Protein backbone atom coordinates (compact mmCIF):
# COMPACT_ATOMS: atom_id res chain seq x y z
CA MET A 1 -54.40 -114.69 40.71
CA SER A 2 -50.94 -115.41 42.16
CA ARG A 3 -47.72 -114.10 40.64
CA ARG A 4 -46.70 -117.64 39.70
CA LYS A 5 -49.95 -118.12 37.89
CA ASP A 6 -49.56 -114.76 36.18
CA ASP A 7 -46.11 -115.74 34.96
CA HIS A 8 -47.46 -119.01 33.59
CA LEU A 9 -50.32 -117.27 31.84
CA THR A 10 -47.93 -114.76 30.37
CA GLN A 11 -45.92 -117.62 28.85
CA LEU A 12 -49.04 -119.24 27.52
CA ARG A 13 -50.28 -115.93 26.12
CA SER A 14 -47.06 -115.36 24.20
CA MET A 15 -47.48 -118.71 22.48
CA ALA A 16 -51.21 -118.59 21.96
CA GLU A 17 -51.69 -115.08 20.62
CA ALA A 18 -50.47 -115.89 17.15
CA SER A 19 -51.74 -119.48 17.13
CA PRO A 20 -54.48 -120.35 14.60
CA LEU A 21 -55.89 -122.76 17.19
CA ALA A 22 -58.72 -121.50 19.41
CA MET A 23 -57.42 -121.68 22.99
CA ALA A 24 -58.77 -120.59 26.38
CA VAL A 25 -57.73 -120.83 30.04
CA SER A 26 -60.28 -121.22 32.81
CA GLU A 27 -59.95 -121.52 36.58
CA GLY A 28 -61.88 -122.72 39.57
CA PRO A 29 -64.81 -125.13 39.78
CA SER A 30 -66.96 -122.74 37.70
CA HIS A 31 -64.30 -122.69 34.99
CA VAL A 32 -64.27 -118.92 34.72
CA LEU A 33 -62.41 -117.78 31.62
CA CYS A 34 -59.26 -115.86 32.48
CA TYR A 35 -57.73 -115.94 28.98
CA VAL A 36 -58.92 -116.38 25.41
CA ASN A 37 -56.74 -115.99 22.33
CA PRO A 38 -57.80 -114.16 19.14
CA ALA A 39 -58.53 -117.44 17.34
CA PHE A 40 -60.95 -118.37 20.15
CA CYS A 41 -62.79 -115.07 19.79
CA ARG A 42 -63.07 -115.53 16.02
CA LEU A 43 -64.38 -119.07 16.38
CA PHE A 44 -67.01 -118.08 18.95
CA ASP A 45 -67.68 -114.81 17.09
CA ARG A 46 -67.51 -112.80 20.33
CA PRO A 47 -64.98 -110.23 21.58
CA ALA A 48 -62.70 -111.09 24.49
CA ALA A 49 -64.46 -108.53 26.73
CA GLU A 50 -67.69 -110.55 26.52
CA LEU A 51 -65.96 -113.83 27.27
CA LEU A 52 -63.48 -113.11 30.06
CA GLY A 53 -64.80 -113.43 33.61
CA ARG A 54 -67.68 -115.68 32.53
CA PRO A 55 -67.92 -119.47 33.00
CA PHE A 56 -66.71 -121.44 30.00
CA ALA A 57 -70.09 -123.14 29.61
CA GLU A 58 -71.85 -119.78 29.19
CA ALA A 59 -69.57 -118.96 26.30
CA CYS A 60 -70.50 -122.18 24.52
CA PRO A 61 -73.59 -122.63 22.39
CA ASP A 62 -76.52 -124.01 24.39
CA ALA A 63 -76.30 -127.41 22.68
CA GLU A 64 -72.70 -127.86 23.78
CA ALA A 65 -72.69 -126.13 27.17
CA ALA A 66 -73.51 -129.15 29.29
CA ALA A 67 -71.07 -131.45 27.51
CA ALA A 68 -68.26 -128.88 27.60
CA GLY A 69 -68.86 -128.14 31.28
CA SER A 70 -68.81 -131.84 32.16
CA LEU A 71 -65.56 -132.25 30.22
CA LEU A 72 -63.79 -129.50 32.22
CA ASP A 73 -65.21 -130.88 35.50
CA ARG A 74 -63.68 -134.29 34.80
CA VAL A 75 -60.31 -132.86 33.80
CA LEU A 76 -60.17 -130.70 36.93
CA GLU A 77 -61.21 -133.61 39.14
CA THR A 78 -59.01 -136.36 37.68
CA GLY A 79 -56.04 -134.30 36.53
CA ALA A 80 -56.08 -136.19 33.21
CA ALA A 81 -56.56 -134.78 29.73
CA GLU A 82 -59.76 -135.60 27.86
CA SER A 83 -61.46 -134.68 24.63
CA LEU A 84 -64.84 -134.58 22.94
CA ALA A 85 -64.91 -135.21 19.21
CA ASP A 86 -67.27 -133.75 16.63
CA LEU A 87 -70.03 -132.21 18.73
CA SER A 88 -72.76 -131.22 16.33
CA ARG A 89 -73.98 -127.62 16.34
CA ALA A 90 -76.71 -126.03 14.29
CA ARG A 91 -75.98 -123.21 11.87
CA PRO A 92 -78.99 -121.06 11.03
CA GLY A 93 -79.82 -121.44 7.35
CA SER A 94 -76.91 -123.81 6.65
CA ASP A 95 -75.69 -127.33 7.18
CA ALA A 96 -74.67 -128.61 10.58
CA ALA A 97 -71.20 -127.79 11.88
CA TYR A 98 -68.94 -129.85 14.12
CA TRP A 99 -66.54 -128.74 16.89
CA SER A 100 -64.12 -130.80 18.92
CA TYR A 101 -62.91 -129.96 22.46
CA ALA A 102 -59.60 -131.00 23.99
CA ALA A 103 -58.82 -130.08 27.62
CA TRP A 104 -55.88 -130.71 29.91
CA PRO A 105 -55.20 -129.46 33.48
CA LEU A 106 -52.88 -126.74 34.69
CA LEU A 107 -51.33 -128.75 37.49
CA ASP A 108 -51.32 -127.19 40.98
CA GLN A 109 -53.14 -124.12 39.65
CA GLY A 110 -56.75 -125.34 39.62
CA GLY A 111 -57.16 -124.37 36.02
CA VAL A 112 -57.83 -125.98 32.65
CA ILE A 113 -56.53 -125.23 29.15
CA THR A 114 -59.11 -125.88 26.46
CA GLN A 115 -58.60 -126.05 22.72
CA VAL A 116 -61.60 -125.84 20.43
CA THR A 117 -61.35 -126.95 16.77
CA ASP A 118 -63.87 -126.56 13.98
CA THR A 119 -63.92 -130.09 12.49
CA THR A 120 -66.73 -129.48 10.02
CA GLU A 121 -64.60 -129.82 6.89
CA ARG A 122 -62.73 -132.81 8.26
CA ARG A 123 -66.02 -134.45 9.20
CA ARG A 124 -67.47 -133.75 5.78
CA SER A 125 -64.33 -135.12 4.11
CA ALA A 126 -64.61 -138.23 6.25
CA GLU A 127 -68.27 -138.58 5.32
CA VAL A 128 -67.36 -138.16 1.66
CA ARG A 129 -64.66 -140.80 2.02
CA GLN A 130 -67.10 -143.11 3.81
CA GLY A 131 -69.64 -142.52 1.06
CA GLU A 132 -67.03 -143.29 -1.56
CA LEU A 133 -66.01 -146.37 0.40
CA ARG A 134 -69.63 -147.50 0.58
CA ARG A 135 -69.99 -146.97 -3.16
CA VAL A 136 -66.77 -148.87 -3.81
CA ASN A 137 -67.95 -151.68 -1.54
CA GLN A 138 -71.27 -151.77 -3.35
CA GLN A 139 -69.48 -151.86 -6.68
CA LEU A 140 -67.22 -154.66 -5.43
CA LEU A 141 -70.23 -156.54 -4.13
CA LEU A 142 -72.01 -156.12 -7.46
CA ALA A 143 -68.84 -157.19 -9.27
CA ALA A 144 -68.55 -160.23 -6.99
CA LEU A 145 -72.18 -161.10 -7.66
CA ARG A 146 -71.61 -160.72 -11.38
CA GLU A 147 -68.46 -162.84 -11.09
CA ASP A 148 -70.41 -165.52 -9.23
CA GLU A 149 -73.06 -165.36 -11.91
CA ARG A 150 -70.37 -165.59 -14.58
CA ALA A 151 -68.77 -168.54 -12.74
CA ASP A 152 -72.14 -170.27 -12.59
CA LYS A 153 -72.59 -169.70 -16.31
CA LEU A 154 -69.08 -171.00 -16.99
CA LEU A 155 -69.80 -174.06 -14.86
CA LEU A 156 -73.00 -174.69 -16.78
CA ALA A 157 -71.14 -174.11 -20.04
CA ASP A 158 -68.42 -176.53 -18.92
CA ARG A 159 -71.01 -179.18 -18.12
CA ALA A 160 -72.70 -178.54 -21.44
CA LYS A 161 -69.31 -178.89 -23.16
CA ASP A 162 -68.72 -182.20 -21.36
CA GLU A 163 -72.09 -183.46 -22.49
CA PHE A 164 -71.47 -182.18 -26.01
CA LEU A 165 -68.06 -183.88 -26.23
CA ALA A 166 -69.46 -187.14 -24.93
CA MET A 167 -72.32 -186.97 -27.42
CA LEU A 168 -69.93 -185.93 -30.21
CA ALA A 169 -67.72 -188.93 -29.45
CA HIS A 170 -70.74 -191.21 -29.48
CA GLU A 171 -72.07 -189.83 -32.74
CA LEU A 172 -68.66 -190.05 -34.44
CA ARG A 173 -67.80 -193.50 -33.15
CA ASN A 174 -70.99 -195.12 -34.45
CA PRO A 175 -70.34 -194.44 -38.16
CA LEU A 176 -66.64 -195.17 -37.65
CA ALA A 177 -67.60 -198.59 -36.30
CA ALA A 178 -69.60 -199.39 -39.44
CA VAL A 179 -66.75 -198.16 -41.66
CA ARG A 180 -64.14 -200.25 -39.82
CA THR A 181 -66.13 -203.47 -40.08
CA GLY A 182 -66.86 -202.68 -43.72
CA ILE A 183 -63.12 -202.29 -44.41
CA TYR A 184 -62.45 -205.57 -42.61
CA LEU A 185 -65.08 -207.42 -44.66
CA LEU A 186 -63.76 -205.95 -47.90
CA GLY A 187 -60.25 -207.13 -47.06
CA GLN A 188 -61.39 -210.60 -46.01
CA ARG A 189 -63.40 -211.14 -49.17
CA ALA A 190 -60.66 -209.94 -51.51
CA ALA A 191 -58.97 -212.66 -53.49
CA PRO A 192 -55.37 -213.45 -52.42
CA GLN A 193 -54.07 -212.14 -55.74
CA ASP A 194 -56.10 -208.91 -55.46
CA THR A 195 -53.25 -206.89 -53.95
CA ASP A 196 -54.76 -203.54 -54.91
CA THR A 197 -57.87 -204.17 -52.81
CA ARG A 198 -55.84 -205.51 -49.89
CA ASP A 199 -53.48 -202.53 -50.00
CA THR A 200 -56.43 -200.15 -50.12
CA CYS A 201 -58.01 -201.87 -47.11
CA ALA A 202 -54.74 -201.61 -45.19
CA LEU A 203 -54.55 -197.89 -46.03
CA LEU A 204 -58.14 -197.33 -44.92
CA GLU A 205 -57.53 -199.24 -41.70
CA ARG A 206 -54.50 -197.08 -40.89
CA GLN A 207 -56.51 -193.92 -41.47
CA MET A 208 -59.34 -195.33 -39.36
CA ARG A 209 -56.93 -195.92 -36.48
CA HIS A 210 -55.63 -192.38 -36.92
CA LEU A 211 -59.15 -190.94 -36.73
CA SER A 212 -59.88 -192.99 -33.62
CA ARG A 213 -56.65 -191.81 -31.99
CA LEU A 214 -57.41 -188.15 -32.77
CA LEU A 215 -60.83 -188.54 -31.19
CA ASP A 216 -59.37 -190.21 -28.10
CA ASP A 217 -56.71 -187.51 -27.75
CA LEU A 218 -59.24 -184.71 -28.06
CA LEU A 219 -61.41 -186.16 -25.29
CA ASP A 220 -58.39 -186.92 -23.12
CA VAL A 221 -57.08 -183.35 -23.35
CA SER A 222 -60.52 -182.03 -22.45
CA ARG A 223 -60.64 -184.27 -19.37
CA ILE A 224 -57.07 -183.44 -18.30
CA THR A 225 -57.59 -179.68 -18.55
CA ARG A 226 -60.58 -180.07 -16.22
CA GLY A 227 -58.64 -182.31 -13.83
CA LYS A 228 -60.88 -185.31 -14.49
CA ILE A 229 -58.21 -187.90 -15.28
CA ASP A 230 -57.68 -190.57 -12.63
CA LEU A 231 -54.43 -192.52 -12.86
CA HIS A 232 -54.43 -196.20 -11.94
CA VAL A 233 -50.88 -196.33 -10.65
CA GLU A 234 -48.95 -199.55 -10.10
CA PRO A 235 -45.34 -200.76 -10.37
CA VAL A 236 -44.53 -200.72 -14.09
CA ASP A 237 -41.53 -201.95 -16.08
CA VAL A 238 -40.81 -199.15 -18.55
CA VAL A 239 -39.01 -201.62 -20.84
CA GLN A 240 -42.28 -203.46 -21.39
CA ILE A 241 -44.15 -200.20 -21.92
CA LEU A 242 -41.73 -199.22 -24.70
CA GLU A 243 -42.02 -202.63 -26.33
CA HIS A 244 -45.83 -202.33 -26.35
CA ALA A 245 -45.65 -198.82 -27.83
CA VAL A 246 -43.34 -200.06 -30.59
CA ALA A 247 -45.71 -202.93 -31.36
CA ALA A 248 -48.62 -200.46 -31.60
CA SER A 249 -46.62 -198.28 -34.01
CA ARG A 250 -45.08 -201.06 -36.09
CA SER A 251 -47.57 -200.93 -38.99
CA LEU A 252 -47.18 -197.15 -39.38
CA LEU A 253 -43.39 -197.51 -39.17
CA GLU A 254 -43.37 -200.11 -41.93
CA PHE A 255 -45.79 -198.14 -44.09
CA LYS A 256 -43.50 -195.06 -43.94
CA ASN A 257 -40.46 -197.29 -44.60
CA HIS A 258 -38.59 -195.90 -41.57
CA THR A 259 -35.87 -197.65 -39.59
CA LEU A 260 -36.23 -197.94 -35.81
CA SER A 261 -33.19 -198.37 -33.56
CA MET A 262 -33.78 -199.29 -29.93
CA ALA A 263 -31.42 -199.16 -26.96
CA LEU A 264 -33.17 -200.77 -23.98
CA PRO A 265 -31.54 -202.10 -20.79
CA PRO A 266 -31.71 -205.86 -20.21
CA GLU A 267 -33.07 -205.45 -16.68
CA PRO A 268 -36.44 -203.96 -15.68
CA VAL A 269 -36.64 -200.21 -15.06
CA CYS A 270 -39.36 -199.80 -12.47
CA VAL A 271 -41.57 -196.70 -12.00
CA GLU A 272 -44.93 -196.04 -10.37
CA ALA A 273 -47.26 -195.31 -13.26
CA ASP A 274 -50.53 -195.98 -15.00
CA PRO A 275 -49.38 -198.46 -17.67
CA VAL A 276 -52.11 -197.51 -20.15
CA ARG A 277 -51.38 -193.79 -19.88
CA LEU A 278 -47.60 -194.25 -19.96
CA GLU A 279 -47.90 -196.37 -23.10
CA GLN A 280 -50.08 -193.61 -24.56
CA VAL A 281 -47.28 -191.10 -23.89
CA VAL A 282 -44.61 -193.17 -25.63
CA THR A 283 -46.92 -194.12 -28.51
CA ASN A 284 -47.76 -190.46 -29.13
CA LEU A 285 -44.07 -189.52 -29.23
CA LEU A 286 -43.16 -192.45 -31.47
CA GLN A 287 -45.97 -191.85 -33.93
CA ASN A 288 -45.20 -188.13 -34.04
CA ALA A 289 -41.62 -188.97 -34.96
CA ILE A 290 -42.77 -191.47 -37.59
CA LYS A 291 -45.38 -189.14 -39.03
CA TYR A 292 -43.21 -186.04 -39.51
CA MET A 293 -40.50 -187.59 -41.69
CA ASP A 294 -40.16 -188.30 -45.35
CA PRO A 295 -40.13 -192.03 -46.17
CA GLY A 296 -36.92 -193.82 -45.31
CA GLY A 297 -36.20 -191.86 -42.13
CA GLN A 298 -34.60 -192.98 -38.88
CA VAL A 299 -36.13 -193.17 -35.40
CA TRP A 300 -34.14 -193.84 -32.23
CA LEU A 301 -35.78 -195.02 -29.01
CA SER A 302 -33.77 -195.42 -25.82
CA LEU A 303 -34.22 -195.91 -22.09
CA GLU A 304 -31.80 -195.52 -19.21
CA ALA A 305 -31.79 -194.91 -15.47
CA VAL A 306 -29.78 -191.82 -14.49
CA PRO A 307 -29.11 -189.83 -11.29
CA THR A 308 -30.84 -186.45 -10.95
CA GLU A 309 -29.63 -183.18 -9.47
CA THR A 310 -31.54 -183.91 -6.24
CA GLY A 311 -29.65 -187.16 -5.68
CA SER A 312 -32.55 -189.42 -6.69
CA ARG A 313 -32.74 -191.50 -9.88
CA ALA A 314 -34.99 -191.18 -12.88
CA ALA A 315 -35.99 -193.23 -15.89
CA VAL A 316 -35.15 -191.28 -19.06
CA ILE A 317 -37.01 -192.13 -22.27
CA ARG A 318 -35.66 -190.55 -25.45
CA VAL A 319 -37.40 -190.49 -28.82
CA ARG A 320 -35.23 -188.98 -31.56
CA ASP A 321 -35.85 -188.71 -35.28
CA SER A 322 -34.19 -187.51 -38.47
CA GLY A 323 -37.31 -185.65 -39.55
CA ILE A 324 -38.33 -182.10 -40.37
CA GLY A 325 -37.17 -180.62 -37.06
CA ILE A 326 -38.61 -177.70 -35.12
CA SER A 327 -37.74 -174.03 -35.44
CA PRO A 328 -36.49 -172.17 -32.31
CA GLU A 329 -39.69 -170.11 -32.25
CA ALA A 330 -41.99 -173.13 -32.47
CA LEU A 331 -39.90 -174.99 -29.90
CA LEU A 332 -41.01 -172.49 -27.25
CA HIS A 333 -44.66 -173.46 -27.75
CA VAL A 334 -44.42 -177.07 -28.86
CA PHE A 335 -46.38 -178.35 -25.82
CA ASP A 336 -49.07 -175.64 -25.97
CA LEU A 337 -52.62 -176.74 -26.70
CA PHE A 338 -53.51 -176.45 -30.41
CA ALA A 339 -49.98 -175.22 -31.21
CA GLN A 340 -48.83 -175.97 -34.74
CA ALA A 341 -45.19 -175.98 -35.81
CA ASP A 342 -44.00 -173.99 -38.80
CA PRO A 343 -44.76 -175.42 -42.24
CA VAL A 344 -41.81 -176.90 -44.05
CA HIS A 345 -41.56 -176.58 -47.84
CA GLY A 346 -45.24 -175.68 -47.99
CA ARG A 347 -46.24 -178.69 -45.93
CA GLY A 348 -48.03 -178.12 -42.62
CA MET A 349 -47.40 -180.27 -39.59
CA GLY A 350 -50.99 -181.43 -39.62
CA GLY A 351 -52.86 -182.85 -36.65
CA LEU A 352 -54.88 -180.95 -34.10
CA GLY A 353 -51.98 -179.70 -31.99
CA ILE A 354 -53.11 -181.70 -28.95
CA GLY A 355 -50.86 -184.79 -28.94
CA LEU A 356 -47.86 -183.15 -27.27
CA THR A 357 -50.10 -181.26 -24.84
CA LEU A 358 -51.51 -184.61 -23.83
CA VAL A 359 -48.00 -186.05 -23.44
CA LYS A 360 -46.91 -183.17 -21.19
CA SER A 361 -50.05 -183.35 -19.04
CA LEU A 362 -49.82 -187.11 -18.53
CA VAL A 363 -46.11 -187.02 -17.73
CA GLU A 364 -46.61 -184.26 -15.16
CA LEU A 365 -49.51 -186.18 -13.59
CA HIS A 366 -46.93 -188.94 -12.99
CA GLY A 367 -44.58 -186.49 -11.26
CA GLY A 368 -42.22 -186.38 -14.23
CA SER A 369 -41.20 -183.88 -16.89
CA VAL A 370 -40.81 -183.76 -20.65
CA ASP A 371 -38.77 -181.48 -22.87
CA ALA A 372 -38.04 -181.06 -26.55
CA HIS A 373 -34.82 -180.32 -28.44
CA SER A 374 -34.09 -179.58 -32.08
CA SER A 375 -31.19 -178.02 -33.94
CA GLY A 376 -33.65 -176.35 -36.31
CA LEU A 377 -35.74 -177.06 -39.36
CA GLY A 378 -34.67 -180.08 -41.35
CA ARG A 379 -32.37 -181.33 -38.57
CA GLY A 380 -34.62 -183.71 -36.66
CA SER A 381 -35.89 -183.46 -33.08
CA GLU A 382 -35.65 -185.25 -29.76
CA PHE A 383 -38.18 -185.58 -26.95
CA ARG A 384 -37.03 -186.63 -23.51
CA VAL A 385 -39.31 -187.92 -20.73
CA LEU A 386 -38.06 -188.13 -17.14
CA LEU A 387 -39.97 -190.22 -14.60
CA PRO A 388 -38.94 -190.81 -10.97
CA LEU A 389 -37.76 -194.36 -10.40
CA ARG A 390 -39.61 -196.45 -7.88
CA ASP A 391 -38.17 -196.30 -4.36
CA PRO A 392 -35.47 -198.99 -4.21
CA ALA A 393 -36.51 -199.75 -0.62
CA ALA A 394 -39.82 -201.02 -1.96
CA GLY A 395 -38.02 -203.59 -4.07
CA VAL A 396 -38.43 -204.23 -7.74
CA ALA A 397 -41.63 -205.98 -8.64
CA ALA A 398 -41.41 -209.14 -10.64
CA PHE A 399 -42.86 -208.31 -14.00
CA PRO A 400 -44.17 -211.42 -15.70
CA LYS A 401 -43.60 -211.74 -19.41
CA GLU A 402 -46.52 -211.11 -21.66
CA PRO A 403 -48.33 -214.39 -22.20
CA GLU A 404 -48.33 -215.58 -25.75
CA GLU A 405 -51.57 -214.84 -27.50
CA ALA A 406 -53.91 -217.78 -27.02
CA PRO A 407 -55.52 -219.07 -30.18
CA VAL A 408 -59.14 -218.13 -30.58
CA ALA A 409 -61.45 -221.01 -29.80
CA ALA A 410 -63.43 -222.43 -32.65
CA PRO A 411 -67.00 -221.09 -32.40
CA GLY A 412 -68.63 -224.46 -32.82
CA GLY A 413 -72.01 -222.92 -33.64
CA ALA A 414 -72.05 -220.74 -30.54
CA ALA A 415 -74.76 -218.06 -30.44
CA VAL A 416 -74.13 -214.33 -30.34
CA LEU A 417 -76.86 -211.75 -29.78
CA LEU A 418 -75.86 -208.39 -31.29
CA VAL A 419 -77.86 -205.46 -29.88
CA GLU A 420 -77.28 -202.32 -31.97
CA ASP A 421 -79.70 -199.61 -33.12
CA ASN A 422 -77.45 -198.40 -35.95
CA VAL A 423 -78.53 -200.66 -38.78
CA ASP A 424 -75.35 -200.24 -40.86
CA ALA A 425 -73.09 -200.96 -37.88
CA ALA A 426 -75.22 -203.96 -36.87
CA THR A 427 -75.33 -205.44 -40.37
CA THR A 428 -71.62 -205.18 -41.06
CA LEU A 429 -70.58 -206.50 -37.62
CA ALA A 430 -73.05 -209.39 -37.95
CA GLU A 431 -71.37 -210.33 -41.25
CA VAL A 432 -67.97 -210.28 -39.54
CA LEU A 433 -69.23 -212.53 -36.73
CA GLU A 434 -70.75 -214.94 -39.23
CA LEU A 435 -67.47 -214.90 -41.15
CA TRP A 436 -65.82 -216.04 -37.91
CA GLY A 437 -68.32 -218.89 -37.66
CA TYR A 438 -70.80 -217.64 -35.05
CA GLU A 439 -74.56 -217.86 -35.19
CA VAL A 440 -75.74 -214.27 -34.97
CA ARG A 441 -79.11 -212.86 -33.99
CA LEU A 442 -79.85 -209.12 -34.23
CA ALA A 443 -81.85 -206.83 -31.94
CA HIS A 444 -82.20 -203.07 -32.28
CA SER A 445 -83.55 -202.11 -28.84
CA GLY A 446 -83.34 -203.18 -25.23
CA MET A 447 -86.82 -204.71 -25.14
CA THR A 448 -86.30 -206.78 -28.30
CA ALA A 449 -82.91 -207.86 -26.92
CA LEU A 450 -84.54 -209.18 -23.72
CA ALA A 451 -87.12 -211.11 -25.75
CA ALA A 452 -84.45 -212.57 -28.05
CA ALA A 453 -82.21 -213.51 -25.10
CA HIS A 454 -85.05 -215.30 -23.30
CA ALA A 455 -85.88 -217.22 -26.48
CA ALA A 456 -82.38 -218.11 -27.71
CA ARG A 457 -80.20 -218.18 -24.55
CA PRO A 458 -77.12 -216.71 -26.35
CA ASP A 459 -73.59 -217.45 -25.20
CA VAL A 460 -72.49 -213.86 -25.84
CA VAL A 461 -74.38 -210.56 -25.94
CA LEU A 462 -72.69 -207.66 -27.75
CA LEU A 463 -74.55 -204.68 -26.39
CA ASP A 464 -74.67 -201.05 -27.52
CA ILE A 465 -75.21 -198.59 -24.65
CA GLY A 466 -76.95 -195.71 -26.41
CA LEU A 467 -80.12 -197.64 -27.26
CA PRO A 468 -83.52 -195.99 -27.74
CA GLY A 469 -85.84 -196.28 -24.78
CA MET A 470 -84.17 -198.66 -22.34
CA ASP A 471 -80.42 -198.06 -22.53
CA GLY A 472 -77.70 -200.71 -22.53
CA TYR A 473 -77.02 -200.45 -18.79
CA GLU A 474 -80.59 -201.29 -17.82
CA THR A 475 -80.70 -203.97 -20.50
CA ALA A 476 -77.58 -205.59 -19.03
CA GLN A 477 -79.02 -205.53 -15.52
CA ARG A 478 -82.19 -207.25 -16.70
CA LEU A 479 -80.20 -209.81 -18.66
CA ARG A 480 -78.11 -210.60 -15.58
CA ALA A 481 -81.26 -211.06 -13.50
CA ALA A 482 -82.92 -213.38 -16.05
CA PRO A 483 -82.85 -217.17 -15.35
CA GLY A 484 -80.21 -218.98 -17.39
CA LEU A 485 -78.35 -215.79 -18.41
CA GLN A 486 -76.22 -215.15 -15.32
CA SER A 487 -73.11 -216.61 -16.94
CA THR A 488 -73.67 -215.09 -20.39
CA LEU A 489 -70.71 -213.04 -21.57
CA LEU A 490 -71.83 -209.41 -21.83
CA VAL A 491 -69.65 -207.08 -23.93
CA ALA A 492 -70.45 -203.38 -24.31
CA LEU A 493 -69.74 -201.94 -27.77
CA THR A 494 -70.29 -198.23 -27.30
CA GLY A 495 -69.35 -194.73 -28.31
CA TYR A 496 -69.17 -193.73 -24.63
CA GLY A 497 -65.65 -194.33 -23.35
CA GLN A 498 -65.10 -192.17 -20.27
CA GLU A 499 -64.18 -193.58 -16.87
CA ALA A 500 -67.69 -192.96 -15.57
CA ASP A 501 -69.11 -194.95 -18.51
CA ARG A 502 -66.82 -197.90 -17.77
CA ALA A 503 -67.75 -197.78 -14.09
CA ARG A 504 -71.46 -197.88 -14.97
CA SER A 505 -70.83 -200.87 -17.23
CA GLN A 506 -69.16 -202.72 -14.38
CA GLU A 507 -72.03 -201.88 -12.01
CA ALA A 508 -74.53 -203.15 -14.59
CA GLY A 509 -72.77 -206.54 -14.76
CA ILE A 510 -71.08 -206.04 -18.14
CA ASP A 511 -67.89 -208.09 -18.48
CA HIS A 512 -66.03 -205.97 -21.07
CA HIS A 513 -66.41 -202.34 -22.16
CA LEU A 514 -65.10 -201.73 -25.70
CA THR A 515 -65.13 -198.31 -27.33
CA LYS A 516 -66.18 -197.95 -30.96
CA PRO A 517 -64.76 -198.38 -33.52
CA VAL A 518 -63.87 -201.68 -31.89
CA ASP A 519 -60.55 -203.39 -32.54
CA LEU A 520 -61.89 -206.54 -34.21
CA ASP A 521 -58.88 -208.64 -33.19
CA GLU A 522 -59.50 -207.69 -29.56
CA LEU A 523 -63.21 -208.46 -29.90
CA ARG A 524 -62.44 -211.86 -31.37
CA ARG A 525 -60.07 -212.66 -28.50
CA ILE A 526 -62.67 -211.62 -25.90
CA ILE A 527 -65.40 -213.71 -27.45
CA GLY A 528 -63.03 -216.65 -27.81
CA SER A 529 -61.94 -216.47 -24.17
CA GLY A 530 -65.47 -216.33 -22.80
CA PRO A 531 -67.93 -219.07 -21.87
CA LEU A 532 -67.88 -220.30 -25.45
CA GLN A 533 -64.93 -222.43 -24.47
């Protein structure tokens, strides 16, 4: 070995002697070992005298000799460092062990430096980590499967809830329909001087409307929380919407002996909205204000168009009252579902806690916002609704005035077929129709309705949907297909009032879809505007 090589080896030896890493230096094509450090001897469990002067491959265990020799050949030939990771070696009477080899050339000296590392513990740690990772992945997979199963169960439960709510509405609306017509008959038959009976009928009618509204609100909130509300948006004059809401609340306002002050602009205030839903918003706010005041209170309703912080303009509806007010704590949750405000003087707020949730949801579906303000209990409250104004570039639609209510045509002996399986509801409504002057025939199923219609050729068919056997939709389709009945006015009177139910009515050829308990004034107008005229 040359002096230069000896000097280099001396430098390497000084660094390697105390190193915990197993290191060796070999030379020539046979890779004869010319240096091994103490760590190398300990790893191979052989003294330096047995290793020096022998080819590197002979020092290696038989299972690794060929791979180690090939590694040093490549390094010597290419002049580039290489490594072999985790070569497995057998340990008599114990688990397998793993060594790694790293080799790099001694340039211009025809030699190779090799470092050997026992990677058994690292390999086992990696295997443990991989095993843990596999277990975690399995647990995550099982959790995901359970979550999917839970989601499926929730979906089924949600569908079952939808079906339950629809059936609940149907079952509640049927007896309410009989009660409403019974109240109407009682009021009509009362003598003019019998004020007690008339006042009682008016009270019962108000409570009936309240029950119907609670039922509608409950179903609406359920649909909104599931994202199943479709808005029928069109250009709407908010002034007209407020006037309609006031008209709908007038009887309750008068009953509570409140005073209403309105500040409405003379010109239309145009927004893009569903007129039915927007009127529902304002009516809910108005009736809340009316309801939560002692008799003789004050309600203020106003509308104005104002600029917003973004530079656009918004319609602002304000409903303010002099009522019981809202505490600061309750104000934070006033729009939460089922939230109830604090009782005042032992008197609860009442209601289901869904009306304001419904207001907030509907306003936000229109791209607007709603907020509430109160100076505290006993100091009244104010609700403010902001809705984006319609783009001025689109122009302001011409909103025709509401046509005056046309007088109901005299029946003139016209025939009405009433199809209803609830005997009480059928009997009371038949008496109302006869009181109006119509000739009424009853049927309690779809098949008997078809037979009666073929025999009597009625001008109007009032048709329940939830009939036994053949339902109202199929009955309507058969009536429409029957000779001489194509122009008959078909009116659904049903406890099913969702959008899907109305769409099915239209597909079946039904002209009007009324939800029980039916507004009798509306029913009378519909019958009077039909083919009877």
